[in-house]
PDB file of N, CA and C in Angstrom:
ATOM      1  N   MET A   1      30.687 -30.511   8.586  1.00  0.00           N
ATOM      2  CA  MET A   1      30.699 -31.374   9.762  1.00  0.00           C
ATOM      3  C   MET A   1      29.909 -30.681  10.876  1.00  0.00           C
ATOM      4  N   SER A   2      29.029 -31.448  11.497  1.00  0.00           N
ATOM      5  CA  SER A   2      28.220 -30.881  12.569  1.00  0.00           C
ATOM      6  C   SER A   2      29.020 -30.834  13.871  1.00  0.00           C
ATOM      7  N   ALA A   3      28.491 -30.085  14.813  1.00  0.00           N
ATOM      8  CA  ALA A   3      29.121 -30.008  16.136  1.00  0.00           C
ATOM      9  C   ALA A   3      29.143 -31.386  16.789  1.00  0.00           C
ATOM     10  N   TYR A   4      28.104 -32.181  16.555  1.00  0.00           N
ATOM     11  CA  TYR A   4      28.054 -33.522  17.142  1.00  0.00           C
ATOM     12  C   TYR A   4      29.150 -34.418  16.566  1.00  0.00           C
ATOM     13  N   ASP A   5      29.408 -34.285  15.259  1.00  0.00           N
ATOM     14  CA  ASP A   5      30.491 -35.046  14.640  1.00  0.00           C
ATOM     15  C   ASP A   5      31.832 -34.661  15.259  1.00  0.00           C
ATOM     16  N   GLU A   6      32.015 -33.389  15.523  1.00  0.00           N
ATOM     17  CA  GLU A   6      33.256 -32.916  16.142  1.00  0.00           C
ATOM     18  C   GLU A   6      33.416 -33.469  17.563  1.00  0.00           C
ATOM     19  N   ILE A   7      32.306 -33.542  18.293  1.00  0.00           N
ATOM     20  CA  ILE A   7      32.343 -34.091  19.648  1.00  0.00           C
ATOM     21  C   ILE A   7      32.749 -35.564  19.590  1.00  0.00           C
ATOM     22  N   ILE A   8      32.161 -36.323  18.668  1.00  0.00           N
ATOM     23  CA  ILE A   8      32.507 -37.733  18.512  1.00  0.00           C
ATOM     24  C   ILE A   8      33.993 -37.876  18.173  1.00  0.00           C
ATOM     25  N   GLU A   9      34.507 -37.023  17.318  1.00  0.00           N
ATOM     26  CA  GLU A   9      35.933 -37.068  16.978  1.00  0.00           C
ATOM     27  C   GLU A   9      36.802 -36.847  18.211  1.00  0.00           C
ATOM     28  N   GLN A  10      36.370 -35.975  19.111  1.00  0.00           N
ATOM     29  CA  GLN A  10      37.132 -35.726  20.336  1.00  0.00           C
ATOM     30  C   GLN A  10      37.174 -36.974  21.217  1.00  0.00           C
ATOM     31  N   PHE A  11      36.087 -37.711  21.249  1.00  0.00           N
ATOM     32  CA  PHE A  11      36.063 -38.969  22.009  1.00  0.00           C
ATOM     33  C   PHE A  11      37.063 -39.949  21.431  1.00  0.00           C
ATOM     34  N   GLU A  12      37.145 -40.020  20.110  1.00  0.00           N
ATOM     35  CA  GLU A  12      38.046 -40.963  19.455  1.00  0.00           C
ATOM     36  C   GLU A  12      39.508 -40.603  19.688  1.00  0.00           C
ATOM     37  N   ILE A  13      39.833 -39.328  19.800  1.00  0.00           N
ATOM     38  CA  ILE A  13      41.210 -38.886  20.004  1.00  0.00           C
ATOM     39  C   ILE A  13      41.746 -39.394  21.337  1.00  0.00           C
ATOM     40  N   GLY A  14      40.931 -39.296  22.382  1.00  0.00           N
ATOM     41  CA  GLY A  14      41.378 -39.694  23.714  1.00  0.00           C
ATOM     42  C   GLY A  14      41.259 -41.169  23.994  1.00  0.00           C
ATOM     43  N   GLY A  15      40.769 -41.921  23.047  1.00  0.00           N
ATOM     44  CA  GLY A  15      40.544 -43.343  23.249  1.00  0.00           C
ATOM     45  C   GLY A  15      39.161 -43.598  23.811  1.00  0.00           C
ATOM     46  N   TYR A  16      38.687 -44.790  23.620  1.00  0.00           N
ATOM     47  CA  TYR A  16      37.360 -45.127  24.112  1.00  0.00           C
ATOM     48  C   TYR A  16      37.300 -46.607  24.436  1.00  0.00           C
ATOM     49  N   ILE A  17      36.293 -46.961  25.194  1.00  0.00           N
ATOM     50  CA  ILE A  17      36.054 -48.352  25.564  1.00  0.00           C
ATOM     51  C   ILE A  17      34.643 -48.696  25.111  1.00  0.00           C
ATOM     52  N   ILE A  18      34.495 -49.811  24.408  1.00  0.00           N
ATOM     53  CA  ILE A  18      33.173 -50.259  23.975  1.00  0.00           C
ATOM     54  C   ILE A  18      32.490 -50.922  25.170  1.00  0.00           C
ATOM     55  N   ILE A  19      31.302 -50.452  25.483  1.00  0.00           N
ATOM     56  CA  ILE A  19      30.551 -50.967  26.635  1.00  0.00           C
ATOM     57  C   ILE A  19      29.193 -51.502  26.151  1.00  0.00           C
ATOM     58  N   ASN A  20      28.854 -52.708  26.564  1.00  0.00           N
ATOM     59  CA  ASN A  20      27.559 -53.280  26.227  1.00  0.00           C
ATOM     60  C   ASN A  20      26.591 -53.002  27.378  1.00  0.00           C
ATOM     61  N   LYS A  21      25.512 -52.306  27.081  1.00  0.00           N
ATOM     62  CA  LYS A  21      24.560 -51.903  28.122  1.00  0.00           C
ATOM     63  C   LYS A  21      23.877 -53.088  28.790  1.00  0.00           C
ATOM     64  N   ASN A  22      23.561 -54.122  28.017  1.00  0.00           N
ATOM     65  CA  ASN A  22      22.934 -55.303  28.620  1.00  0.00           C
ATOM     66  C   ASN A  22      23.889 -56.000  29.574  1.00  0.00           C
ATOM     67  N   LEU A  23      25.177 -56.026  29.218  1.00  0.00           N
ATOM     68  CA  LEU A  23      26.158 -56.640  30.104  1.00  0.00           C
ATOM     69  C   LEU A  23      26.302 -55.833  31.391  1.00  0.00           C
ATOM     70  N   ILE A  24      26.205 -54.509  31.288  1.00  0.00           N
ATOM     71  CA  ILE A  24      26.232 -53.656  32.492  1.00  0.00           C
ATOM     72  C   ILE A  24      25.088 -54.050  33.430  1.00  0.00           C
ATOM     73  N   ARG A  25      23.899 -54.208  32.857  1.00  0.00           N
ATOM     74  CA  ARG A  25      22.751 -54.564  33.689  1.00  0.00           C
ATOM     75  C   ARG A  25      22.923 -55.940  34.331  1.00  0.00           C
ATOM     76  N   ARG A  26      23.656 -56.838  33.661  1.00  0.00           N
ATOM     77  CA  ARG A  26      23.813 -58.203  34.175  1.00  0.00           C
ATOM     78  C   ARG A  26      24.948 -58.335  35.198  1.00  0.00           C
ATOM     79  N   ILE A  27      26.115 -57.709  34.918  1.00  0.00           N
ATOM     80  CA  ILE A  27      27.264 -57.920  35.811  1.00  0.00           C
ATOM     81  C   ILE A  27      27.758 -56.645  36.484  1.00  0.00           C
ATOM     82  N   GLY A  28      27.209 -55.498  36.127  1.00  0.00           N
ATOM     83  CA  GLY A  28      27.598 -54.243  36.759  1.00  0.00           C
ATOM     84  C   GLY A  28      28.518 -53.403  35.877  1.00  0.00           C
ATOM     85  N   LEU A  29      28.518 -52.110  36.144  1.00  0.00           N
ATOM     86  CA  LEU A  29      29.292 -51.166  35.335  1.00  0.00           C
ATOM     87  C   LEU A  29      30.796 -51.405  35.455  1.00  0.00           C
ATOM     88  N   ARG A  30      31.290 -51.540  36.677  1.00  0.00           N
ATOM     89  CA  ARG A  30      32.734 -51.697  36.856  1.00  0.00           C
ATOM     90  C   ARG A  30      33.248 -53.003  36.255  1.00  0.00           C
ATOM     91  N   SER A  31      32.509 -54.073  36.451  1.00  0.00           N
ATOM     92  CA  SER A  31      32.927 -55.355  35.879  1.00  0.00           C
ATOM     93  C   SER A  31      32.935 -55.293  34.355  1.00  0.00           C
ATOM     94  N   THR A  32      31.912 -54.672  33.782  1.00  0.00           N
ATOM     95  CA  THR A  32      31.841 -54.532  32.328  1.00  0.00           C
ATOM     96  C   THR A  32      32.969 -53.653  31.815  1.00  0.00           C
ATOM     97  N   LEU A  33      33.271 -52.593  32.543  1.00  0.00           N
ATOM     98  CA  LEU A  33      34.354 -51.694  32.161  1.00  0.00           C
ATOM     99  C   LEU A  33      35.689 -52.444  32.126  1.00  0.00           C
ATOM    100  N   ILE A  34      35.988 -53.182  33.176  1.00  0.00           N
ATOM    101  CA  ILE A  34      37.231 -53.957  33.249  1.00  0.00           C
ATOM    102  C   ILE A  34      37.255 -55.006  32.132  1.00  0.00           C
ATOM    103  N   TYR A  35      36.168 -55.750  31.985  1.00  0.00           N
ATOM    104  CA  TYR A  35      36.102 -56.794  30.961  1.00  0.00           C
ATOM    105  C   TYR A  35      36.325 -56.206  29.571  1.00  0.00           C
ATOM    106  N   SER A  36      35.651 -55.117  29.261  1.00  0.00           N
ATOM    107  CA  SER A  36      35.761 -54.501  27.943  1.00  0.00           C
ATOM    108  C   SER A  36      37.177 -54.012  27.669  1.00  0.00           C
ATOM    109  N   GLU A  37      37.809 -53.407  28.667  1.00  0.00           N
ATOM    110  CA  GLU A  37      39.177 -52.918  28.487  1.00  0.00           C
ATOM    111  C   GLU A  37      40.146 -54.084  28.329  1.00  0.00           C
ATOM    112  N   LEU A  38      39.997 -55.127  29.124  1.00  0.00           N
ATOM    113  CA  LEU A  38      40.881 -56.289  28.994  1.00  0.00           C
ATOM    114  C   LEU A  38      40.654 -57.014  27.670  1.00  0.00           C
ATOM    115  N   LEU A  39      39.428 -57.078  27.212  1.00  0.00           N
ATOM    116  CA  LEU A  39      39.139 -57.686  25.917  1.00  0.00           C
ATOM    117  C   LEU A  39      39.827 -56.903  24.802  1.00  0.00           C
ATOM    118  N   SER A  40      39.800 -55.591  24.894  1.00  0.00           N
ATOM    119  CA  SER A  40      40.484 -54.742  23.927  1.00  0.00           C
ATOM    120  C   SER A  40      41.995 -54.978  23.960  1.00  0.00           C
ATOM    121  N   ARG A  41      42.543 -55.091  25.151  1.00  0.00           N
ATOM    122  CA  ARG A  41      43.987 -55.332  25.278  1.00  0.00           C
ATOM    123  C   ARG A  41      44.366 -56.718  24.775  1.00  0.00           C
ATOM    124  N   TYR A  42      43.506 -57.709  25.028  1.00  0.00           N
ATOM    125  CA  TYR A  42      43.740 -59.040  24.476  1.00  0.00           C
ATOM    126  C   TYR A  42      43.852 -58.953  22.953  1.00  0.00           C
ATOM    127  N   HIS A  43      42.901 -58.280  22.350  1.00  0.00           N
ATOM    128  CA  HIS A  43      42.869 -58.117  20.894  1.00  0.00           C
ATOM    129  C   HIS A  43      44.151 -57.446  20.399  1.00  0.00           C
ATOM    130  N   TYR A  44      44.593 -56.416  21.111  1.00  0.00           N
ATOM    131  CA  TYR A  44      45.828 -55.700  20.765  1.00  0.00           C
ATOM    132  C   TYR A  44      47.032 -56.642  20.795  1.00  0.00           C
ATOM    133  N   PHE A  45      47.206 -57.364  21.895  1.00  0.00           N
ATOM    134  CA  PHE A  45      48.357 -58.255  22.025  1.00  0.00           C
ATOM    135  C   PHE A  45      48.279 -59.425  21.035  1.00  0.00           C
ATOM    136  N   LYS A  46      47.083 -59.940  20.803  1.00  0.00           N
ATOM    137  CA  LYS A  46      46.913 -61.044  19.855  1.00  0.00           C
ATOM    138  C   LYS A  46      47.319 -60.601  18.455  1.00  0.00           C
ATOM    139  N   ASN A  47      46.860 -59.434  18.034  1.00  0.00           N
ATOM    140  CA  ASN A  47      47.186 -58.935  16.698  1.00  0.00           C
ATOM    141  C   ASN A  47      48.675 -58.663  16.518  1.00  0.00           C
ATOM    142  N   ARG A  48      49.367 -58.391  17.597  1.00  0.00           N
ATOM    143  CA  ARG A  48      50.809 -58.134  17.528  1.00  0.00           C
ATOM    144  C   ARG A  48      51.631 -59.412  17.735  1.00  0.00           C
ATOM    145  N   GLY A  49      50.933 -60.529  17.950  1.00  0.00           N
ATOM    146  CA  GLY A  49      51.628 -61.789  18.178  1.00  0.00           C
ATOM    147  C   GLY A  49      52.355 -61.822  19.512  1.00  0.00           C
ATOM    148  N   GLU A  50      51.812 -61.110  20.507  1.00  0.00           N
ATOM    149  CA  GLU A  50      52.486 -60.980  21.795  1.00  0.00           C
ATOM    150  C   GLU A  50      51.781 -61.678  22.954  1.00  0.00           C
ATOM    151  N   LEU A  51      50.883 -62.605  22.639  1.00  0.00           N
ATOM    152  CA  LEU A  51      50.301 -63.427  23.703  1.00  0.00           C
ATOM    153  C   LEU A  51      51.341 -64.465  24.115  1.00  0.00           C
ATOM    154  N   THR A  52      51.259 -64.926  25.349  1.00  0.00           N
ATOM    155  CA  THR A  52      52.138 -66.008  25.787  1.00  0.00           C
ATOM    156  C   THR A  52      51.721 -67.281  25.047  1.00  0.00           C
ATOM    157  N   PRO A  53      52.553 -68.311  25.062  1.00  0.00           N
ATOM    158  CA  PRO A  53      52.178 -69.562  24.376  1.00  0.00           C
ATOM    159  C   PRO A  53      50.842 -70.138  24.860  1.00  0.00           C
ATOM    160  N   ASP A  54      50.466 -69.862  26.115  1.00  0.00           N
ATOM    161  CA  ASP A  54      49.184 -70.369  26.625  1.00  0.00           C
ATOM    162  C   ASP A  54      48.055 -69.340  26.521  1.00  0.00           C
ATOM    163  N   GLY A  55      48.251 -68.259  25.740  1.00  0.00           N
ATOM    164  CA  GLY A  55      47.169 -67.325  25.430  1.00  0.00           C
ATOM    165  C   GLY A  55      46.954 -66.197  26.414  1.00  0.00           C
ATOM    166  N   TYR A  56      47.918 -65.920  27.289  1.00  0.00           N
ATOM    167  CA  TYR A  56      47.801 -64.845  28.267  1.00  0.00           C
ATOM    168  C   TYR A  56      48.508 -63.584  27.765  1.00  0.00           C
ATOM    169  N   PHE A  57      48.142 -62.453  28.327  1.00  0.00           N
ATOM    170  CA  PHE A  57      48.818 -61.178  28.100  1.00  0.00           C
ATOM    171  C   PHE A  57      48.970 -60.487  29.436  1.00  0.00           C
ATOM    172  N   PHE A  58      49.910 -59.557  29.538  1.00  0.00           N
ATOM    173  CA  PHE A  58      50.149 -58.909  30.824  1.00  0.00           C
ATOM    174  C   PHE A  58      49.488 -57.546  30.891  1.00  0.00           C
ATOM    175  N   ASN A  59      49.231 -57.131  32.113  1.00  0.00           N
ATOM    176  CA  ASN A  59      48.728 -55.787  32.365  1.00  0.00           C
ATOM    177  C   ASN A  59      48.952 -55.440  33.826  1.00  0.00           C
ATOM    178  N   THR A  60      49.447 -54.247  34.087  1.00  0.00           N
ATOM    179  CA  THR A  60      49.713 -53.825  35.453  1.00  0.00           C
ATOM    180  C   THR A  60      48.492 -53.138  36.052  1.00  0.00           C
ATOM    181  N   ILE A  61      48.486 -53.049  37.363  1.00  0.00           N
ATOM    182  CA  ILE A  61      47.436 -52.319  38.073  1.00  0.00           C
ATOM    183  C   ILE A  61      47.428 -50.863  37.614  1.00  0.00           C
ATOM    184  N   GLU A  62      48.609 -50.286  37.489  1.00  0.00           N
ATOM    185  CA  GLU A  62      48.720 -48.877  37.109  1.00  0.00           C
ATOM    186  C   GLU A  62      48.159 -48.624  35.717  1.00  0.00           C
ATOM    187  N   SER A  63      48.504 -49.491  34.776  1.00  0.00           N
ATOM    188  CA  SER A  63      48.050 -49.320  33.403  1.00  0.00           C
ATOM    189  C   SER A  63      46.531 -49.456  33.290  1.00  0.00           C
ATOM    190  N   LEU A  64      45.979 -50.474  33.924  1.00  0.00           N
ATOM    191  CA  LEU A  64      44.532 -50.674  33.883  1.00  0.00           C
ATOM    192  C   LEU A  64      43.814 -49.559  34.642  1.00  0.00           C
ATOM    193  N   GLY A  65      44.435 -49.083  35.720  1.00  0.00           N
ATOM    194  CA  GLY A  65      43.855 -47.971  36.474  1.00  0.00           C
ATOM    195  C   GLY A  65      43.795 -46.696  35.656  1.00  0.00           C
ATOM    196  N   LYS A  66      44.848 -46.452  34.895  1.00  0.00           N
ATOM    197  CA  LYS A  66      44.876 -45.248  34.054  1.00  0.00           C
ATOM    198  C   LYS A  66      43.778 -45.304  32.996  1.00  0.00           C
ATOM    199  N   ALA A  67      43.532 -46.493  32.453  1.00  0.00           N
ATOM    200  CA  ALA A  67      42.529 -46.656  31.402  1.00  0.00           C
ATOM    201  C   ALA A  67      41.100 -46.625  31.928  1.00  0.00           C
ATOM    202  N   THR A  68      40.893 -47.078  33.163  1.00  0.00           N
ATOM    203  CA  THR A  68      39.526 -47.232  33.683  1.00  0.00           C
ATOM    204  C   THR A  68      39.185 -46.303  34.843  1.00  0.00           C
ATOM    205  N   CYS A  69      40.192 -45.655  35.415  1.00  0.00           N
ATOM    206  CA  CYS A  69      40.020 -44.814  36.607  1.00  0.00           C
ATOM    207  C   CYS A  69      39.584 -45.617  37.833  1.00  0.00           C
ATOM    208  N   LEU A  70      39.883 -46.916  37.833  1.00  0.00           N
ATOM    209  CA  LEU A  70      39.576 -47.756  38.986  1.00  0.00           C
ATOM    210  C   LEU A  70      40.855 -48.015  39.768  1.00  0.00           C
ATOM    211  N   THR A  71      40.743 -47.993  41.078  1.00  0.00           N
ATOM    212  CA  THR A  71      41.895 -48.253  41.941  1.00  0.00           C
ATOM    213  C   THR A  71      42.264 -49.730  41.885  1.00  0.00           C
ATOM    214  N   GLY A  72      43.415 -50.046  42.425  1.00  0.00           N
ATOM    215  CA  GLY A  72      43.837 -51.442  42.487  1.00  0.00           C
ATOM    216  C   GLY A  72      42.838 -52.302  43.230  1.00  0.00           C
ATOM    217  N   ARG A  73      42.331 -51.798  44.335  1.00  0.00           N
ATOM    218  CA  ARG A  73      41.336 -52.545  45.123  1.00  0.00           C
ATOM    219  C   ARG A  73      40.072 -52.785  44.307  1.00  0.00           C
ATOM    220  N   GLN A  74      39.589 -51.743  43.637  1.00  0.00           N
ATOM    221  CA  GLN A  74      38.391 -51.880  42.811  1.00  0.00           C
ATOM    222  C   GLN A  74      38.619 -52.888  41.684  1.00  0.00           C
ATOM    223  N   GLN A  75      39.800 -52.835  41.090  1.00  0.00           N
ATOM    224  CA  GLN A  75      40.139 -53.789  40.035  1.00  0.00           C
ATOM    225  C   GLN A  75      40.099 -55.223  40.564  1.00  0.00           C
ATOM    226  N   ARG A  76      40.706 -55.450  41.714  1.00  0.00           N
ATOM    227  CA  ARG A  76      40.741 -56.805  42.285  1.00  0.00           C
ATOM    228  C   ARG A  76      39.335 -57.352  42.518  1.00  0.00           C
ATOM    229  N   ILE A  77      38.453 -56.510  43.039  1.00  0.00           N
ATOM    230  CA  ILE A  77      37.071 -56.932  43.300  1.00  0.00           C
ATOM    231  C   ILE A  77      36.382 -57.345  42.003  1.00  0.00           C
ATOM    232  N   GLU A  78      36.506 -56.514  40.978  1.00  0.00           N
ATOM    233  CA  GLU A  78      35.820 -56.788  39.708  1.00  0.00           C
ATOM    234  C   GLU A  78      36.460 -57.948  38.956  1.00  0.00           C
ATOM    235  N   ILE A  79      37.776 -58.064  39.009  1.00  0.00           N
ATOM    236  CA  ILE A  79      38.460 -59.178  38.348  1.00  0.00           C
ATOM    237  C   ILE A  79      38.059 -60.496  38.990  1.00  0.00           C
ATOM    238  N   LYS A  80      37.923 -60.508  40.307  1.00  0.00           N
ATOM    239  CA  LYS A  80      37.469 -61.718  40.999  1.00  0.00           C
ATOM    240  C   LYS A  80      36.070 -62.103  40.511  1.00  0.00           C
ATOM    241  N   LYS A  81      35.200 -61.130  40.378  1.00  0.00           N
ATOM    242  CA  LYS A  81      33.839 -61.384  39.904  1.00  0.00           C
ATOM    243  C   LYS A  81      33.871 -61.943  38.477  1.00  0.00           C
ATOM    244  N   LEU A  82      34.708 -61.367  37.611  1.00  0.00           N
ATOM    245  CA  LEU A  82      34.817 -61.834  36.230  1.00  0.00           C
ATOM    246  C   LEU A  82      35.367 -63.257  36.164  1.00  0.00           C
ATOM    247  N   GLN A  83      36.280 -63.570  37.073  1.00  0.00           N
ATOM    248  CA  GLN A  83      36.816 -64.933  37.134  1.00  0.00           C
ATOM    249  C   GLN A  83      35.725 -65.910  37.561  1.00  0.00           C
ATOM    250  N   GLU A  84      34.933 -65.523  38.561  1.00  0.00           N
ATOM    251  CA  GLU A  84      33.851 -66.387  39.034  1.00  0.00           C
ATOM    252  C   GLU A  84      32.809 -66.632  37.939  1.00  0.00           C
ATOM    253  N   LEU A  85      32.610 -65.648  37.070  1.00  0.00           N
ATOM    254  CA  LEU A  85      31.673 -65.792  35.955  1.00  0.00           C
ATOM    255  C   LEU A  85      32.262 -66.629  34.818  1.00  0.00           C
ATOM    256  N   GLY A  86      33.563 -66.886  34.864  1.00  0.00           N
ATOM    257  CA  GLY A  86      34.226 -67.663  33.823  1.00  0.00           C
ATOM    258  C   GLY A  86      34.657 -66.859  32.613  1.00  0.00           C
ATOM    259  N   LEU A  87      34.656 -65.527  32.734  1.00  0.00           N
ATOM    260  CA  LEU A  87      35.010 -64.683  31.596  1.00  0.00           C
ATOM    261  C   LEU A  87      36.513 -64.509  31.415  1.00  0.00           C
ATOM    262  N   LEU A  88      37.262 -64.663  32.494  1.00  0.00           N
ATOM    263  CA  LEU A  88      38.711 -64.523  32.386  1.00  0.00           C
ATOM    264  C   LEU A  88      39.405 -65.264  33.507  1.00  0.00           C
ATOM    265  N   LYS A  89      40.715 -65.389  33.343  1.00  0.00           N
ATOM    266  CA  LYS A  89      41.585 -65.939  34.387  1.00  0.00           C
ATOM    267  C   LYS A  89      42.717 -64.944  34.596  1.00  0.00           C
ATOM    268  N   GLN A  90      43.228 -64.889  35.827  1.00  0.00           N
ATOM    269  CA  GLN A  90      44.372 -64.042  36.144  1.00  0.00           C
ATOM    270  C   GLN A  90      45.474 -64.900  36.736  1.00  0.00           C
ATOM    271  N   ASP A  91      46.710 -64.587  36.363  1.00  0.00           N
ATOM    272  CA  ASP A  91      47.861 -65.319  36.858  1.00  0.00           C
ATOM    273  C   ASP A  91      48.997 -64.320  37.093  1.00  0.00           C
ATOM    274  N   ASN A  92      49.455 -64.234  38.332  1.00  0.00           N
ATOM    275  CA  ASN A  92      50.615 -63.392  38.622  1.00  0.00           C
ATOM    276  C   ASN A  92      51.839 -64.283  38.517  1.00  0.00           C
ATOM    277  N   ARG A  93      52.604 -64.080  37.498  1.00  0.00           N
ATOM    278  CA  ARG A  93      53.731 -64.963  37.203  1.00  0.00           C
ATOM    279  C   ARG A  93      55.025 -64.437  37.793  1.00  0.00           C
ATOM    280  N   ASN A  94      55.761 -65.329  38.415  1.00  0.00           N
ATOM    281  CA  ASN A  94      57.091 -65.021  38.946  1.00  0.00           C
ATOM    282  C   ASN A  94      57.080 -63.871  39.951  1.00  0.00           C
ATOM    283  N   GLY A  95      55.999 -63.694  40.691  1.00  0.00           N
ATOM    284  CA  GLY A  95      55.926 -62.648  41.704  1.00  0.00           C
ATOM    285  C   GLY A  95      55.953 -61.247  41.137  1.00  0.00           C
ATOM    286  N   SER A  96      55.693 -61.122  39.867  1.00  0.00           N
ATOM    287  CA  SER A  96      55.742 -59.831  39.186  1.00  0.00           C
ATOM    288  C   SER A  96      54.523 -58.985  39.524  1.00  0.00           C
ATOM    289  N   THR A  97      54.654 -57.673  39.399  1.00  0.00           N
ATOM    290  CA  THR A  97      53.483 -56.798  39.537  1.00  0.00           C
ATOM    291  C   THR A  97      52.650 -56.849  38.264  1.00  0.00           C
ATOM    292  N   ARG A  98      53.204 -57.465  37.243  1.00  0.00           N
ATOM    293  CA  ARG A  98      52.441 -57.643  36.011  1.00  0.00           C
ATOM    294  C   ARG A  98      51.462 -58.788  36.209  1.00  0.00           C
ATOM    295  N   ARG A  99      50.232 -58.478  36.034  1.00  0.00           N
ATOM    296  CA  ARG A  99      49.219 -59.516  36.102  1.00  0.00           C
ATOM    297  C   ARG A  99      49.007 -60.038  34.689  1.00  0.00           C
ATOM    298  N   TYR A 100      48.921 -61.333  34.559  1.00  0.00           N
ATOM    299  CA  TYR A 100      48.671 -61.943  33.261  1.00  0.00           C
ATOM    300  C   TYR A 100      47.215 -62.371  33.205  1.00  0.00           C
ATOM    301  N   PHE A 101      46.577 -62.081  32.077  1.00  0.00           N
ATOM    302  CA  PHE A 101      45.160 -62.374  31.902  1.00  0.00           C
ATOM    303  C   PHE A 101      44.932 -63.271  30.693  1.00  0.00           C
ATOM    304  N   TRP A 102      43.955 -64.138  30.840  1.00  0.00           N
ATOM    305  CA  TRP A 102      43.455 -64.976  29.761  1.00  0.00           C
ATOM    306  C   TRP A 102      41.973 -64.672  29.638  1.00  0.00           C
ATOM    307  N   ILE A 103      41.517 -64.421  28.426  1.00  0.00           N
ATOM    308  CA  ILE A 103      40.113 -64.100  28.178  1.00  0.00           C
ATOM    309  C   ILE A 103      39.431 -65.324  27.577  1.00  0.00           C
ATOM    310  N   SER A 104      38.311 -65.714  28.146  1.00  0.00           N
ATOM    311  CA  SER A 104      37.554 -66.858  27.653  1.00  0.00           C
ATOM    312  C   SER A 104      37.063 -66.596  26.229  1.00  0.00           C
ATOM    313  N   ASP A 105      37.109 -67.629  25.405  1.00  0.00           N
ATOM    314  CA  ASP A 105      36.565 -67.514  24.048  1.00  0.00           C
ATOM    315  C   ASP A 105      35.197 -68.195  23.943  1.00  0.00           C
ATOM    316  N   ASP A 106      34.532 -68.355  25.067  1.00  0.00           N
ATOM    317  CA  ASP A 106      33.215 -68.988  25.118  1.00  0.00           C
ATOM    318  C   ASP A 106      32.146 -67.982  24.689  1.00  0.00           C
ATOM    319  N   VAL A 107      31.869 -67.958  23.405  1.00  0.00           N
ATOM    320  CA  VAL A 107      30.886 -67.018  22.856  1.00  0.00           C
ATOM    321  C   VAL A 107      29.508 -67.256  23.484  1.00  0.00           C
ATOM    322  N   GLY A 108      29.178 -68.518  23.720  1.00  0.00           N
ATOM    323  CA  GLY A 108      27.887 -68.839  24.330  1.00  0.00           C
ATOM    324  C   GLY A 108      27.724 -68.208  25.702  1.00  0.00           C
ATOM    325  N   LEU A 109      28.805 -68.201  26.495  1.00  0.00           N
ATOM    326  CA  LEU A 109      28.750 -67.615  27.831  1.00  0.00           C
ATOM    327  C   LEU A 109      28.496 -66.118  27.771  1.00  0.00           C
ATOM    328  N   ILE A 110      29.260 -65.395  26.965  1.00  0.00           N
ATOM    329  CA  ILE A 110      29.081 -63.947  26.905  1.00  0.00           C
ATOM    330  C   ILE A 110      27.726 -63.598  26.298  1.00  0.00           C
ATOM    331  N   THR A 111      27.284 -64.385  25.313  1.00  0.00           N
ATOM    332  CA  THR A 111      25.957 -64.165  24.718  1.00  0.00           C
ATOM    333  C   THR A 111      24.872 -64.347  25.769  1.00  0.00           C
ATOM    334  N   LYS A 112      24.992 -65.389  26.572  1.00  0.00           N
ATOM    335  CA  LYS A 112      24.013 -65.664  27.636  1.00  0.00           C
ATOM    336  C   LYS A 112      23.954 -64.498  28.629  1.00  0.00           C
ATOM    337  N   LEU A 113      25.115 -64.014  29.056  1.00  0.00           N
ATOM    338  CA  LEU A 113      25.148 -62.909  30.018  1.00  0.00           C
ATOM    339  C   LEU A 113      24.536 -61.644  29.432  1.00  0.00           C
ATOM    340  N   ILE A 114      24.837 -61.368  28.176  1.00  0.00           N
ATOM    341  CA  ILE A 114      24.292 -60.178  27.517  1.00  0.00           C
ATOM    342  C   ILE A 114      22.772 -60.319  27.385  1.00  0.00           C
ATOM    343  N   GLU A 115      22.310 -61.498  26.996  1.00  0.00           N
ATOM    344  CA  GLU A 115      20.863 -61.719  26.875  1.00  0.00           C
ATOM    345  C   GLU A 115      20.163 -61.584  28.209  1.00  0.00           C
ATOM    346  N   GLU A 116      20.774 -62.087  29.274  1.00  0.00           N
ATOM    347  CA  GLU A 116      20.173 -61.983  30.608  1.00  0.00           C
ATOM    348  C   GLU A 116      20.050 -60.527  31.036  1.00  0.00           C
ATOM    349  N   GLY A 117      20.974 -59.692  30.624  1.00  0.00           N
ATOM    350  CA  GLY A 117      20.913 -58.277  30.962  1.00  0.00           C
ATOM    351  C   GLY A 117      19.865 -57.517  30.176  1.00  0.00           C
ATOM    352  N   GLY A 118      19.394 -58.108  29.082  1.00  0.00           N
ATOM    353  CA  GLY A 118      18.397 -57.445  28.250  1.00  0.00           C
ATOM    354  C   GLY A 118      16.975 -57.731  28.659  1.00  0.00           C
ATOM    355  N   LEU A 119      16.822 -58.634  29.619  1.00  0.00           N
ATOM    356  CA  LEU A 119      15.450 -59.017  30.020  1.00  0.00           C
ATOM    357  C   LEU A 119      14.880 -58.103  31.059  1.00  0.00           C
TER     358      LEU A 119
END
């Protein structure tokens, strides 16, 4: 095993977030970071059968902050941008600090944004 293989293994141990470079160029690094992490969490909750009946999952400011190193304020700014782009919806249910998220399944939309970032 090469030293580079060992370095890659270290990245996998601590967890990682898949980031699309074209999407970064189109919507920004922070927005892409938040979107990618929430998409991963959606996938996690969906596979465990833990989405709400209307397709939402919960996530706290603290949990998302720990994963992305973004403050609550930074998260709010980027989540608003993602909502305006139509990539997700946020719903704070019952006054909880748990924010509920729905991720758009519009493949055409995400493909368009990624393509626009590649130009």
